[in-house]
Amino acid sequence: MRYFPALDTLRFLASLNIVLLHFSSSDLLSYAKGTFWGTIINAPFFTADVFFLLSGFIYSILFSRKERVPKLKTFMKERFRRLYPLHIICTLIIFAITIYRTHILDNTAYAIKTLALHISLLWAFVPKLGFHLNQPSWALSVFFLCYILTPSFSRFLNKLGKNFLWLLFLGSWALSIFVVLHFKEMPNAFRGINFFSGMLLGKLFFNKAILLPRKALLNDLFLFAVATLQCLNICLFSKVHIVLSYHIAAPILYSAILLFLANDKGIVVKILSISLLRSLGKVSFYAYLLHSVVIEFLHLYLDKIAKWQYNPFDKPIATLLIIIFFYGGCAMYSRWKR
């Protein structure tokens, strides 16, 4: 299987954007409001849809040959082993902090139901039935739903020709548009559509059904153009139709970024292939699941010790140090897991 080093860094950039977005909404990034970077972070430039598209893309290529497609039991066991224990730890920590800090879970029945929904990975599908604990865990719930279908869908794709793959790929985007317009939002349960769009994109890429630049400079120019379009999307189009901007336009542009990075040409790809950035990318989903725990601990300090009279974490140097230690800790956790 081909390895696409720049895609690891894309995962890191998406994770970092989401982490900082939630920092910003938690009174930990107030100093950035009104700045260019504050706008990019809060828009946001990258959303969780990058993870779905990227994962589908990689799995499609990884399982692009019949002999490489794993059995469902083996595949699910490996996925649960890597991700579910961390989800349980995060959920229990935030549950304990929430009980200590607030009165939201004072009702015993409501508290038990909330905890059960999160541990069972069902909260993402019925969010109104319980309080959100480790909120990013909704993505994990949808991912596991997608994982269940990944081996069989991979076998199905391996039997298809280019024309039918294109038809399904365009159909997946038509389905996304229908869901968005019908629900006036994209329910979390349907965000998995992007996972399968990513699988179709990966299969088209693997079958060389998509024309990509042969020149390194041209590939760089296309990446710059797509990044510019995404800036225009979040700054301008989002004001016209925020739902289409967030759930349709942005994922389409992420798909283009995926292709140009996988094309493995140009200066941008070389920069994003630096070993340190790739290492951070490989632990980024851990960071995505864990960052709410960090925010809860910081809020615990501000609430019980600082009494919100001052906020030592709302400074650029504090943000930098937190991010360094946080991603460093995630890297250490990943090594321990291996």
C-alpha atoms as a PDB file:
ATOM      1  CA  MET A   1       0.000   0.000   0.000  1.00  0.00           C
ATOM      2  CA  ARG A   2       1.167   3.531  -0.762  1.00  0.00           C
ATOM      3  CA  TYR A   3       1.814   5.773   2.204  1.00  0.00           C
ATOM      4  CA  PHE A   4       0.763   9.421   2.051  1.00  0.00           C
ATOM      5  CA  PRO A   5       2.829  11.237   4.726  1.00  0.00           C
ATOM      6  CA  ALA A   6       1.194  14.639   4.165  1.00  0.00           C
ATOM      7  CA  LEU A   7      -2.208  13.182   5.098  1.00  0.00           C
ATOM      8  CA  ASP A   8      -0.953  12.527   8.635  1.00  0.00           C
ATOM      9  CA  THR A   9      -0.212  16.234   8.977  1.00  0.00           C
ATOM     10  CA  LEU A  10      -3.636  17.102   7.559  1.00  0.00           C
ATOM     11  CA  ARG A  11      -5.102  15.053  10.399  1.00  0.00           C
ATOM     12  CA  PHE A  12      -2.987  17.033  12.879  1.00  0.00           C
ATOM     13  CA  LEU A  13      -4.066  20.407  11.455  1.00  0.00           C
ATOM     14  CA  ALA A  14      -7.726  19.389  11.613  1.00  0.00           C
ATOM     15  CA  SER A  15      -7.333  18.160  15.190  1.00  0.00           C
ATOM     16  CA  LEU A  16      -5.508  21.328  16.263  1.00  0.00           C
ATOM     17  CA  ASN A  17      -8.197  23.535  14.707  1.00  0.00           C
ATOM     18  CA  ILE A  18     -10.974  21.699  16.565  1.00  0.00           C
ATOM     19  CA  VAL A  19      -9.059  21.735  19.864  1.00  0.00           C
ATOM     20  CA  LEU A  20      -8.469  25.485  19.594  1.00  0.00           C
ATOM     21  CA  LEU A  21     -12.092  26.029  18.514  1.00  0.00           C
ATOM     22  CA  HIS A  22     -13.295  24.423  21.744  1.00  0.00           C
ATOM     23  CA  PHE A  23     -10.682  26.357  23.721  1.00  0.00           C
ATOM     24  CA  SER A  24     -12.123  29.516  22.213  1.00  0.00           C
ATOM     25  CA  SER A  25     -15.694  28.615  23.160  1.00  0.00           C
ATOM     26  CA  SER A  26     -14.510  27.838  26.718  1.00  0.00           C
ATOM     27  CA  ASP A  27     -13.004  31.241  27.605  1.00  0.00           C
ATOM     28  CA  LEU A  28      -9.463  29.993  26.975  1.00  0.00           C
ATOM     29  CA  LEU A  29      -8.734  31.879  23.755  1.00  0.00           C
ATOM     30  CA  SER A  30     -10.404  35.265  24.206  1.00  0.00           C
ATOM     31  CA  TYR A  31      -7.225  37.115  23.241  1.00  0.00           C
ATOM     32  CA  ALA A  32      -7.548  35.821  19.658  1.00  0.00           C
ATOM     33  CA  LYS A  33     -11.018  37.265  19.029  1.00  0.00           C
ATOM     34  CA  GLY A  34     -11.055  39.804  16.231  1.00  0.00           C
ATOM     35  CA  THR A  35      -7.764  38.583  14.752  1.00  0.00           C
ATOM     36  CA  PHE A  36      -7.296  36.720  11.465  1.00  0.00           C
ATOM     37  CA  TRP A  37      -6.264  33.533  13.268  1.00  0.00           C
ATOM     38  CA  GLY A  38      -9.196  33.853  15.628  1.00  0.00           C
ATOM     39  CA  THR A  39     -11.538  33.992  12.633  1.00  0.00           C
ATOM     40  CA  ILE A  40      -9.915  30.953  10.993  1.00  0.00           C
ATOM     41  CA  ILE A  41     -10.111  28.974  14.245  1.00  0.00           C
ATOM     42  CA  ASN A  42     -13.701  29.881  15.052  1.00  0.00           C
ATOM     43  CA  ALA A  43     -15.136  29.612  11.547  1.00  0.00           C
ATOM     44  CA  PRO A  44     -13.676  26.854  11.664  1.00  0.00           C
ATOM     45  CA  PHE A  45     -11.332  26.161   8.760  1.00  0.00           C
ATOM     46  CA  PHE A  46     -11.306  22.408   9.502  1.00  0.00           C
ATOM     47  CA  THR A  47     -14.192  20.418  10.967  1.00  0.00           C
ATOM     48  CA  ALA A  48     -14.633  16.811  12.100  1.00  0.00           C
ATOM     49  CA  ASP A  49     -15.698  15.950   8.534  1.00  0.00           C
ATOM     50  CA  VAL A  50     -11.994  15.895   7.608  1.00  0.00           C
ATOM     51  CA  PHE A  51     -11.562  12.876   9.894  1.00  0.00           C
ATOM     52  CA  PHE A  52     -14.430  11.022   8.214  1.00  0.00           C
ATOM     53  CA  LEU A  53     -13.276  11.763   4.673  1.00  0.00           C
ATOM     54  CA  LEU A  54      -9.645  10.998   5.473  1.00  0.00           C
ATOM     55  CA  SER A  55     -10.376   7.722   7.267  1.00  0.00           C
ATOM     56  CA  GLY A  56     -12.658   6.510   4.491  1.00  0.00           C
ATOM     57  CA  PHE A  57     -10.041   7.475   1.891  1.00  0.00           C
ATOM     58  CA  ILE A  58      -7.230   5.587   3.675  1.00  0.00           C
ATOM     59  CA  TYR A  59      -9.287   2.452   4.417  1.00  0.00           C
ATOM     60  CA  SER A  60     -10.512   2.290   0.836  1.00  0.00           C
ATOM     61  CA  ILE A  61      -6.937   2.253  -0.457  1.00  0.00           C
ATOM     62  CA  LEU A  62      -5.706  -0.051   2.320  1.00  0.00           C
ATOM     63  CA  PHE A  63      -8.424  -2.605   1.477  1.00  0.00           C
ATOM     64  CA  SER A  64      -8.314  -2.034  -2.290  1.00  0.00           C
ATOM     65  CA  ARG A  65      -7.342  -5.639  -2.961  1.00  0.00           C
ATOM     66  CA  LYS A  66      -9.503  -8.629  -2.079  1.00  0.00           C
ATOM     67  CA  GLU A  67      -6.837 -10.354   0.001  1.00  0.00           C
ATOM     68  CA  ARG A  68      -6.328  -7.267   2.165  1.00  0.00           C
ATOM     69  CA  VAL A  69      -9.928  -6.850   3.341  1.00  0.00           C
ATOM     70  CA  PRO A  70     -10.138  -8.031   6.974  1.00  0.00           C
ATOM     71  CA  LYS A  71     -12.925  -9.995   8.599  1.00  0.00           C
ATOM     72  CA  LEU A  72     -15.442  -7.825  10.434  1.00  0.00           C
ATOM     73  CA  LYS A  73     -14.702  -9.339  13.865  1.00  0.00           C
ATOM     74  CA  THR A  74     -10.945  -8.808  13.519  1.00  0.00           C
ATOM     75  CA  PHE A  75     -11.360  -5.257  12.230  1.00  0.00           C
ATOM     76  CA  MET A  76     -13.829  -4.194  14.922  1.00  0.00           C
ATOM     77  CA  LYS A  77     -11.779  -5.790  17.698  1.00  0.00           C
ATOM     78  CA  GLU A  78      -8.714  -3.784  16.641  1.00  0.00           C
ATOM     79  CA  ARG A  79     -10.700  -0.536  16.413  1.00  0.00           C
ATOM     80  CA  PHE A  80     -12.322  -1.018  19.829  1.00  0.00           C
ATOM     81  CA  ARG A  81      -8.987  -1.914  21.422  1.00  0.00           C
ATOM     82  CA  ARG A  82      -7.369   1.293  20.179  1.00  0.00           C
ATOM     83  CA  LEU A  83     -10.173   3.780  20.835  1.00  0.00           C
ATOM     84  CA  TYR A  84     -12.854   2.539  23.225  1.00  0.00           C
ATOM     85  CA  PRO A  85     -10.763   2.368  26.460  1.00  0.00           C
ATOM     86  CA  LEU A  86      -9.768   6.019  26.021  1.00  0.00           C
ATOM     87  CA  HIS A  87     -13.404   6.952  25.463  1.00  0.00           C
ATOM     88  CA  ILE A  88     -14.379   5.228  28.737  1.00  0.00           C
ATOM     89  CA  ILE A  89     -11.591   6.991  30.680  1.00  0.00           C
ATOM     90  CA  CYS A  90     -12.534  10.417  29.294  1.00  0.00           C
ATOM     91  CA  THR A  91     -16.220   9.861  29.966  1.00  0.00           C
ATOM     92  CA  LEU A  92     -15.700   8.824  33.589  1.00  0.00           C
ATOM     93  CA  ILE A  93     -13.316  11.733  34.313  1.00  0.00           C
ATOM     94  CA  ILE A  94     -15.667  14.344  32.856  1.00  0.00           C
ATOM     95  CA  PHE A  95     -18.626  12.701  34.596  1.00  0.00           C
ATOM     96  CA  ALA A  96     -16.865  13.030  37.965  1.00  0.00           C
ATOM     97  CA  ILE A  97     -15.807  16.649  37.322  1.00  0.00           C
ATOM     98  CA  THR A  98     -19.306  17.603  36.146  1.00  0.00           C
ATOM     99  CA  ILE A  99     -20.875  16.188  39.322  1.00  0.00           C
ATOM    100  CA  TYR A 100     -18.308  18.035  41.448  1.00  0.00           C
ATOM    101  CA  ARG A 101     -18.563  21.398  39.651  1.00  0.00           C
ATOM    102  CA  THR A 102     -22.253  21.721  38.745  1.00  0.00           C
ATOM    103  CA  HIS A 103     -25.801  20.711  39.674  1.00  0.00           C
ATOM    104  CA  ILE A 104     -26.599  19.454  36.184  1.00  0.00           C
ATOM    105  CA  LEU A 105     -26.349  15.788  37.218  1.00  0.00           C
ATOM    106  CA  ASP A 106     -27.913  16.114  40.679  1.00  0.00           C
ATOM    107  CA  ASN A 107     -30.838  13.975  39.547  1.00  0.00           C
ATOM    108  CA  THR A 108     -29.510  10.441  40.083  1.00  0.00           C
ATOM    109  CA  ALA A 109     -31.643   8.823  37.374  1.00  0.00           C
ATOM    110  CA  TYR A 110     -30.625  11.491  34.846  1.00  0.00           C
ATOM    111  CA  ALA A 111     -26.953  11.113  35.801  1.00  0.00           C
ATOM    112  CA  ILE A 112     -27.025   7.322  35.402  1.00  0.00           C
ATOM    113  CA  LYS A 113     -28.852   7.584  32.072  1.00  0.00           C
ATOM    114  CA  THR A 114     -26.348  10.170  30.821  1.00  0.00           C
ATOM    115  CA  LEU A 115     -23.384   8.006  31.787  1.00  0.00           C
ATOM    116  CA  ALA A 116     -24.965   4.887  30.250  1.00  0.00           C
ATOM    117  CA  LEU A 117     -25.681   6.683  26.953  1.00  0.00           C
ATOM    118  CA  HIS A 118     -22.072   7.828  26.658  1.00  0.00           C
ATOM    119  CA  ILE A 119     -20.484   4.521  27.652  1.00  0.00           C
ATOM    120  CA  SER A 120     -22.729   2.643  25.222  1.00  0.00           C
ATOM    121  CA  LEU A 121     -21.897   5.162  22.442  1.00  0.00           C
ATOM    122  CA  LEU A 122     -25.599   5.931  21.983  1.00  0.00           C
ATOM    123  CA  TRP A 123     -25.624   9.553  23.143  1.00  0.00           C
ATOM    124  CA  ALA A 124     -24.679  10.831  19.668  1.00  0.00           C
ATOM    125  CA  PHE A 125     -27.932   9.466  18.275  1.00  0.00           C
ATOM    126  CA  VAL A 126     -30.217  10.647  21.099  1.00  0.00           C
ATOM    127  CA  PRO A 127     -28.421  13.737  22.490  1.00  0.00           C
ATOM    128  CA  LYS A 128     -31.567  15.190  24.061  1.00  0.00           C
ATOM    129  CA  LEU A 129     -31.884  12.251  26.449  1.00  0.00           C
ATOM    130  CA  GLY A 130     -28.727  13.081  28.398  1.00  0.00           C
ATOM    131  CA  PHE A 131     -26.165  15.761  29.163  1.00  0.00           C
ATOM    132  CA  HIS A 132     -23.060  15.905  26.947  1.00  0.00           C
ATOM    133  CA  LEU A 133     -19.970  14.667  28.766  1.00  0.00           C
ATOM    134  CA  ASN A 134     -17.066  14.084  26.387  1.00  0.00           C
ATOM    135  CA  GLN A 135     -18.786  15.791  23.480  1.00  0.00           C
ATOM    136  CA  PRO A 136     -16.279  14.738  20.740  1.00  0.00           C
ATOM    137  CA  SER A 137     -17.274  11.156  21.502  1.00  0.00           C
ATOM    138  CA  TRP A 138     -20.224  11.652  19.113  1.00  0.00           C
ATOM    139  CA  ALA A 139     -17.696  11.252  16.309  1.00  0.00           C
ATOM    140  CA  LEU A 140     -16.467   7.988  17.812  1.00  0.00           C
ATOM    141  CA  SER A 141     -20.035   6.670  17.854  1.00  0.00           C
ATOM    142  CA  VAL A 142     -20.498   7.494  14.171  1.00  0.00           C
ATOM    143  CA  PHE A 143     -17.067   6.076  13.334  1.00  0.00           C
ATOM    144  CA  PHE A 144     -17.910   2.717  14.901  1.00  0.00           C
ATOM    145  CA  LEU A 145     -21.144   2.678  12.928  1.00  0.00           C
ATOM    146  CA  CYS A 146     -19.072   3.241   9.767  1.00  0.00           C
ATOM    147  CA  TYR A 147     -16.479   0.640  10.803  1.00  0.00           C
ATOM    148  CA  ILE A 148     -19.171  -2.045  10.959  1.00  0.00           C
ATOM    149  CA  LEU A 149     -19.831  -1.512   7.247  1.00  0.00           C
ATOM    150  CA  THR A 150     -16.222  -0.920   6.140  1.00  0.00           C
ATOM    151  CA  PRO A 151     -15.128  -4.513   5.278  1.00  0.00           C
ATOM    152  CA  SER A 152     -18.302  -5.363   3.332  1.00  0.00           C
ATOM    153  CA  PHE A 153     -18.356  -1.968   1.589  1.00  0.00           C
ATOM    154  CA  SER A 154     -14.680  -2.412   0.631  1.00  0.00           C
ATOM    155  CA  ARG A 155     -15.456  -5.788  -0.974  1.00  0.00           C
ATOM    156  CA  PHE A 156     -18.365  -4.169  -2.818  1.00  0.00           C
ATOM    157  CA  LEU A 157     -16.203  -1.320  -4.134  1.00  0.00           C
ATOM    158  CA  ASN A 158     -13.486  -3.714  -5.288  1.00  0.00           C
ATOM    159  CA  LYS A 159     -15.968  -5.239  -7.740  1.00  0.00           C
ATOM    160  CA  LEU A 160     -17.014  -1.953  -9.358  1.00  0.00           C
ATOM    161  CA  GLY A 161     -15.772  -0.214 -12.467  1.00  0.00           C
ATOM    162  CA  LYS A 162     -14.847   3.455 -12.729  1.00  0.00           C
ATOM    163  CA  ASN A 163     -18.172   4.613 -14.158  1.00  0.00           C
ATOM    164  CA  PHE A 164     -20.241   3.073 -11.364  1.00  0.00           C
ATOM    165  CA  LEU A 165     -17.798   4.415  -8.767  1.00  0.00           C
ATOM    166  CA  TRP A 166     -18.301   7.915 -10.164  1.00  0.00           C
ATOM    167  CA  LEU A 167     -22.073   7.443 -10.074  1.00  0.00           C
ATOM    168  CA  LEU A 168     -21.961   6.394  -6.408  1.00  0.00           C
ATOM    169  CA  PHE A 169     -19.556   9.194  -5.515  1.00  0.00           C
ATOM    170  CA  LEU A 170     -21.796  11.874  -7.017  1.00  0.00           C
ATOM    171  CA  GLY A 171     -24.789  10.146  -5.449  1.00  0.00           C
ATOM    172  CA  SER A 172     -23.210  10.382  -1.992  1.00  0.00           C
ATOM    173  CA  TRP A 173     -22.956  14.161  -2.334  1.00  0.00           C
ATOM    174  CA  ALA A 174     -26.516  14.370  -3.645  1.00  0.00           C
ATOM    175  CA  LEU A 175     -27.589  12.421  -0.544  1.00  0.00           C
ATOM    176  CA  SER A 176     -25.665  14.837   1.689  1.00  0.00           C
ATOM    177  CA  ILE A 177     -27.383  17.832   0.095  1.00  0.00           C
ATOM    178  CA  PHE A 178     -30.787  16.169   0.489  1.00  0.00           C
ATOM    179  CA  VAL A 179     -30.171  15.420   4.192  1.00  0.00           C
ATOM    180  CA  VAL A 180     -28.965  18.970   4.874  1.00  0.00           C
ATOM    181  CA  LEU A 181     -31.910  20.597   3.119  1.00  0.00           C
ATOM    182  CA  HIS A 182     -34.443  18.159   4.609  1.00  0.00           C
ATOM    183  CA  PHE A 183     -33.269  18.443   8.231  1.00  0.00           C
ATOM    184  CA  LYS A 184     -32.008  22.051   7.885  1.00  0.00           C
ATOM    185  CA  GLU A 185     -28.884  20.669   9.601  1.00  0.00           C
ATOM    186  CA  MET A 186     -26.739  17.549   9.316  1.00  0.00           C
ATOM    187  CA  PRO A 187     -27.691  15.165  12.173  1.00  0.00           C
ATOM    188  CA  ASN A 188     -24.620  13.579  13.715  1.00  0.00           C
ATOM    189  CA  ALA A 189     -25.783  10.119  12.672  1.00  0.00           C
ATOM    190  CA  PHE A 190     -25.613  11.205   9.022  1.00  0.00           C
ATOM    191  CA  ARG A 191     -22.105  12.701   9.229  1.00  0.00           C
ATOM    192  CA  GLY A 192     -20.866   9.201   8.386  1.00  0.00           C
ATOM    193  CA  ILE A 193     -21.911   9.859   4.782  1.00  0.00           C
ATOM    194  CA  ASN A 194     -18.570  11.637   4.455  1.00  0.00           C
ATOM    195  CA  PHE A 195     -16.758   8.457   5.536  1.00  0.00           C
ATOM    196  CA  PHE A 196     -18.240   6.552   2.598  1.00  0.00           C
ATOM    197  CA  SER A 197     -17.693   9.523   0.265  1.00  0.00           C
ATOM    198  CA  GLY A 198     -14.054   9.301   1.336  1.00  0.00           C
ATOM    199  CA  MET A 199     -13.997   5.571   0.570  1.00  0.00           C
ATOM    200  CA  LEU A 200     -15.390   6.219  -2.914  1.00  0.00           C
ATOM    201  CA  LEU A 201     -12.874   9.017  -3.445  1.00  0.00           C
ATOM    202  CA  GLY A 202     -10.045   6.706  -2.359  1.00  0.00           C
ATOM    203  CA  LYS A 203     -11.170   3.977  -4.733  1.00  0.00           C
ATOM    204  CA  LEU A 204     -11.378   6.459  -7.625  1.00  0.00           C
ATOM    205  CA  PHE A 205      -7.884   7.676  -6.742  1.00  0.00           C
ATOM    206  CA  PHE A 206      -6.547   4.112  -6.524  1.00  0.00           C
ATOM    207  CA  ASN A 207      -8.071   3.251  -9.923  1.00  0.00           C
ATOM    208  CA  LYS A 208      -6.537   6.423 -11.416  1.00  0.00           C
ATOM    209  CA  ALA A 209      -9.984   7.639 -12.397  1.00  0.00           C
ATOM    210  CA  ILE A 210      -9.186  11.215 -11.337  1.00  0.00           C
ATOM    211  CA  LEU A 211      -6.806  13.441 -13.293  1.00  0.00           C
ATOM    212  CA  LEU A 212      -4.289  15.155 -11.021  1.00  0.00           C
ATOM    213  CA  PRO A 213      -1.438  17.572 -11.822  1.00  0.00           C
ATOM    214  CA  ARG A 214       1.827  15.973 -12.927  1.00  0.00           C
ATOM    215  CA  LYS A 215       3.843  19.109 -12.219  1.00  0.00           C
ATOM    216  CA  ALA A 216       4.807  19.896  -8.625  1.00  0.00           C
ATOM    217  CA  LEU A 217       4.236  23.642  -9.063  1.00  0.00           C
ATOM    218  CA  LEU A 218       0.775  23.087 -10.473  1.00  0.00           C
ATOM    219  CA  ASN A 219      -0.121  20.837  -7.541  1.00  0.00           C
ATOM    220  CA  ASP A 220       0.986  23.580  -5.132  1.00  0.00           C
ATOM    221  CA  LEU A 221      -1.083  26.157  -6.993  1.00  0.00           C
ATOM    222  CA  PHE A 222      -4.187  23.962  -6.815  1.00  0.00           C
ATOM    223  CA  LEU A 223      -3.679  23.454  -3.067  1.00  0.00           C
ATOM    224  CA  PHE A 224      -3.343  27.208  -2.590  1.00  0.00           C
ATOM    225  CA  ALA A 225      -6.484  27.795  -4.687  1.00  0.00           C
ATOM    226  CA  VAL A 226      -8.529  25.279  -2.674  1.00  0.00           C
ATOM    227  CA  ALA A 227      -7.316  26.760   0.643  1.00  0.00           C
ATOM    228  CA  THR A 228      -8.317  30.209  -0.632  1.00  0.00           C
ATOM    229  CA  LEU A 229     -11.755  28.918  -1.611  1.00  0.00           C
ATOM    230  CA  GLN A 230     -12.193  27.479   1.875  1.00  0.00           C
ATOM    231  CA  CYS A 231     -11.317  30.871   3.395  1.00  0.00           C
ATOM    232  CA  LEU A 232     -13.929  32.484   1.159  1.00  0.00           C
ATOM    233  CA  ASN A 233     -16.389  29.740   2.074  1.00  0.00           C
ATOM    234  CA  ILE A 234     -16.085  30.273   5.832  1.00  0.00           C
ATOM    235  CA  CYS A 235     -15.859  34.062   5.645  1.00  0.00           C
ATOM    236  CA  LEU A 236     -18.437  34.833   2.939  1.00  0.00           C
ATOM    237  CA  PHE A 237     -20.609  31.894   1.854  1.00  0.00           C
ATOM    238  CA  SER A 238     -21.259  30.886   5.478  1.00  0.00           C
ATOM    239  CA  LYS A 239     -23.077  34.203   5.892  1.00  0.00           C
ATOM    240  CA  VAL A 240     -25.347  33.339   2.946  1.00  0.00           C
ATOM    241  CA  HIS A 241     -26.134  29.721   3.904  1.00  0.00           C
ATOM    242  CA  ILE A 242     -24.188  28.487   6.920  1.00  0.00           C
ATOM    243  CA  VAL A 243     -25.480  24.893   6.771  1.00  0.00           C
ATOM    244  CA  LEU A 244     -24.510  24.353   3.118  1.00  0.00           C
ATOM    245  CA  SER A 245     -21.208  26.073   3.788  1.00  0.00           C
ATOM    246  CA  TYR A 246     -20.385  23.896   6.783  1.00  0.00           C
ATOM    247  CA  HIS A 247     -21.742  20.515   5.670  1.00  0.00           C
ATOM    248  CA  ILE A 248     -21.440  20.589   1.857  1.00  0.00           C
ATOM    249  CA  ALA A 249     -19.010  23.196   0.525  1.00  0.00           C
ATOM    250  CA  ALA A 250     -16.339  22.581   3.177  1.00  0.00           C
ATOM    251  CA  PRO A 251     -16.295  18.740   2.820  1.00  0.00           C
ATOM    252  CA  ILE A 252     -16.082  19.070  -0.974  1.00  0.00           C
ATOM    253  CA  LEU A 253     -13.055  21.343  -0.573  1.00  0.00           C
ATOM    254  CA  TYR A 254     -11.541  18.946   1.977  1.00  0.00           C
ATOM    255  CA  SER A 255     -11.901  16.187  -0.629  1.00  0.00           C
ATOM    256  CA  ALA A 256      -9.917  18.284  -3.099  1.00  0.00           C
ATOM    257  CA  ILE A 257      -7.209  18.930  -0.488  1.00  0.00           C
ATOM    258  CA  LEU A 258      -7.042  15.183   0.169  1.00  0.00           C
ATOM    259  CA  LEU A 259      -6.458  14.443  -3.504  1.00  0.00           C
ATOM    260  CA  PHE A 260      -3.749  17.061  -4.010  1.00  0.00           C
ATOM    261  CA  LEU A 261      -1.894  15.953  -0.874  1.00  0.00           C
ATOM    262  CA  ALA A 262      -2.186  12.291  -1.881  1.00  0.00           C
ATOM    263  CA  ASN A 263      -0.780  13.297  -5.281  1.00  0.00           C
ATOM    264  CA  ASP A 264       2.508  13.619  -3.357  1.00  0.00           C
ATOM    265  CA  LYS A 265       4.017  16.455  -5.377  1.00  0.00           C
ATOM    266  CA  GLY A 266       5.222  19.959  -4.573  1.00  0.00           C
ATOM    267  CA  ILE A 267       6.718  22.025  -1.776  1.00  0.00           C
ATOM    268  CA  VAL A 268       3.553  22.006   0.354  1.00  0.00           C
ATOM    269  CA  VAL A 269       3.530  18.202   0.443  1.00  0.00           C
ATOM    270  CA  LYS A 270       7.217  18.152   1.389  1.00  0.00           C
ATOM    271  CA  ILE A 271       6.642  20.590   4.244  1.00  0.00           C
ATOM    272  CA  LEU A 272       3.652  18.608   5.506  1.00  0.00           C
ATOM    273  CA  SER A 273       5.711  15.404   5.308  1.00  0.00           C
ATOM    274  CA  ILE A 274       8.146  16.531   8.022  1.00  0.00           C
ATOM    275  CA  SER A 275       8.606  13.711  10.534  1.00  0.00           C
ATOM    276  CA  LEU A 276       7.523  15.733  13.605  1.00  0.00           C
ATOM    277  CA  LEU A 277       4.272  16.856  11.972  1.00  0.00           C
ATOM    278  CA  ARG A 278       3.522  13.312  10.817  1.00  0.00           C
ATOM    279  CA  SER A 279       4.068  12.017  14.345  1.00  0.00           C
ATOM    280  CA  LEU A 280       1.593  14.546  15.716  1.00  0.00           C
ATOM    281  CA  GLY A 281      -0.888  13.574  13.038  1.00  0.00           C
ATOM    282  CA  LYS A 282      -0.755   9.933  14.029  1.00  0.00           C
ATOM    283  CA  VAL A 283      -1.944  10.761  17.563  1.00  0.00           C
ATOM    284  CA  SER A 284      -4.436  13.436  16.568  1.00  0.00           C
ATOM    285  CA  PHE A 285      -7.586  11.389  17.092  1.00  0.00           C
ATOM    286  CA  TYR A 286      -6.450  10.707  20.649  1.00  0.00           C
ATOM    287  CA  ALA A 287      -6.062  14.466  21.057  1.00  0.00           C
ATOM    288  CA  TYR A 288      -9.537  14.982  19.617  1.00  0.00           C
ATOM    289  CA  LEU A 289     -11.070  12.629  22.191  1.00  0.00           C
ATOM    290  CA  LEU A 290      -8.982  13.894  25.118  1.00  0.00           C
ATOM    291  CA  HIS A 291      -9.084  17.659  24.745  1.00  0.00           C
ATOM    292  CA  SER A 292     -12.451  18.024  26.494  1.00  0.00           C
ATOM    293  CA  VAL A 293     -10.871  16.458  29.583  1.00  0.00           C
ATOM    294  CA  VAL A 294      -8.128  19.109  29.504  1.00  0.00           C
ATOM    295  CA  ILE A 295     -10.732  21.874  29.199  1.00  0.00           C
ATOM    296  CA  GLU A 296     -12.691  20.430  32.136  1.00  0.00           C
ATOM    297  CA  PHE A 297      -9.587  20.363  34.354  1.00  0.00           C
ATOM    298  CA  LEU A 298      -8.722  23.959  33.406  1.00  0.00           C
ATOM    299  CA  HIS A 299     -12.292  25.023  34.201  1.00  0.00           C
ATOM    300  CA  LEU A 300     -12.093  23.134  37.490  1.00  0.00           C
ATOM    301  CA  TYR A 301      -9.073  25.236  38.452  1.00  0.00           C
ATOM    302  CA  LEU A 302     -10.735  28.476  37.332  1.00  0.00           C
ATOM    303  CA  ASP A 303     -13.955  27.606  39.143  1.00  0.00           C
ATOM    304  CA  LYS A 304     -12.681  26.234  42.461  1.00  0.00           C
ATOM    305  CA  ILE A 305      -9.277  27.892  42.898  1.00  0.00           C
ATOM    306  CA  ALA A 306      -9.123  31.085  40.834  1.00  0.00           C
ATOM    307  CA  LYS A 307     -12.868  31.699  41.379  1.00  0.00           C
ATOM    308  CA  TRP A 308     -12.871  33.210  37.865  1.00  0.00           C
ATOM    309  CA  GLN A 309     -11.165  36.345  39.256  1.00  0.00           C
ATOM    310  CA  TYR A 310      -8.298  35.837  36.836  1.00  0.00           C
ATOM    311  CA  ASN A 311      -7.594  33.455  33.963  1.00  0.00           C
ATOM    312  CA  PRO A 312      -3.907  32.502  33.564  1.00  0.00           C
ATOM    313  CA  PHE A 313      -4.742  30.187  30.646  1.00  0.00           C
ATOM    314  CA  ASP A 314      -6.139  32.914  28.373  1.00  0.00           C
ATOM    315  CA  LYS A 315      -2.739  34.019  27.071  1.00  0.00           C
ATOM    316  CA  PRO A 316      -0.768  33.081  23.919  1.00  0.00           C
ATOM    317  CA  ILE A 317       2.151  31.584  25.863  1.00  0.00           C
ATOM    318  CA  ALA A 318      -0.249  29.550  28.023  1.00  0.00           C
ATOM    319  CA  THR A 319      -2.022  28.218  24.925  1.00  0.00           C
ATOM    320  CA  LEU A 320       1.306  27.275  23.344  1.00  0.00           C
ATOM    321  CA  LEU A 321       2.511  25.427  26.442  1.00  0.00           C
ATOM    322  CA  ILE A 322      -0.805  23.617  26.889  1.00  0.00           C
ATOM    323  CA  ILE A 323      -0.769  22.476  23.258  1.00  0.00           C
ATOM    324  CA  ILE A 324       2.861  21.295  23.476  1.00  0.00           C
ATOM    325  CA  PHE A 325       2.308  19.301  26.664  1.00  0.00           C
ATOM    326  CA  PHE A 326      -1.076  18.033  25.482  1.00  0.00           C
ATOM    327  CA  TYR A 327       0.088  16.656  22.132  1.00  0.00           C
ATOM    328  CA  GLY A 328       3.278  15.395  23.740  1.00  0.00           C
ATOM    329  CA  GLY A 329       1.155  13.489  26.243  1.00  0.00           C
ATOM    330  CA  CYS A 330      -0.939  12.044  23.422  1.00  0.00           C
ATOM    331  CA  ALA A 331       2.244  10.862  21.692  1.00  0.00           C
ATOM    332  CA  MET A 332       3.373   9.155  24.899  1.00  0.00           C
ATOM    333  CA  TYR A 333      -0.056   7.513  25.289  1.00  0.00           C
ATOM    334  CA  SER A 334       0.143   6.245  21.693  1.00  0.00           C
ATOM    335  CA  ARG A 335       3.561   4.689  22.313  1.00  0.00           C
ATOM    336  CA  TRP A 336       2.254   3.034  25.472  1.00  0.00           C
ATOM    337  CA  LYS A 337      -0.705   1.615  23.539  1.00  0.00           C
ATOM    338  CA  ARG A 338       1.633   0.178  20.891  1.00  0.00           C
END
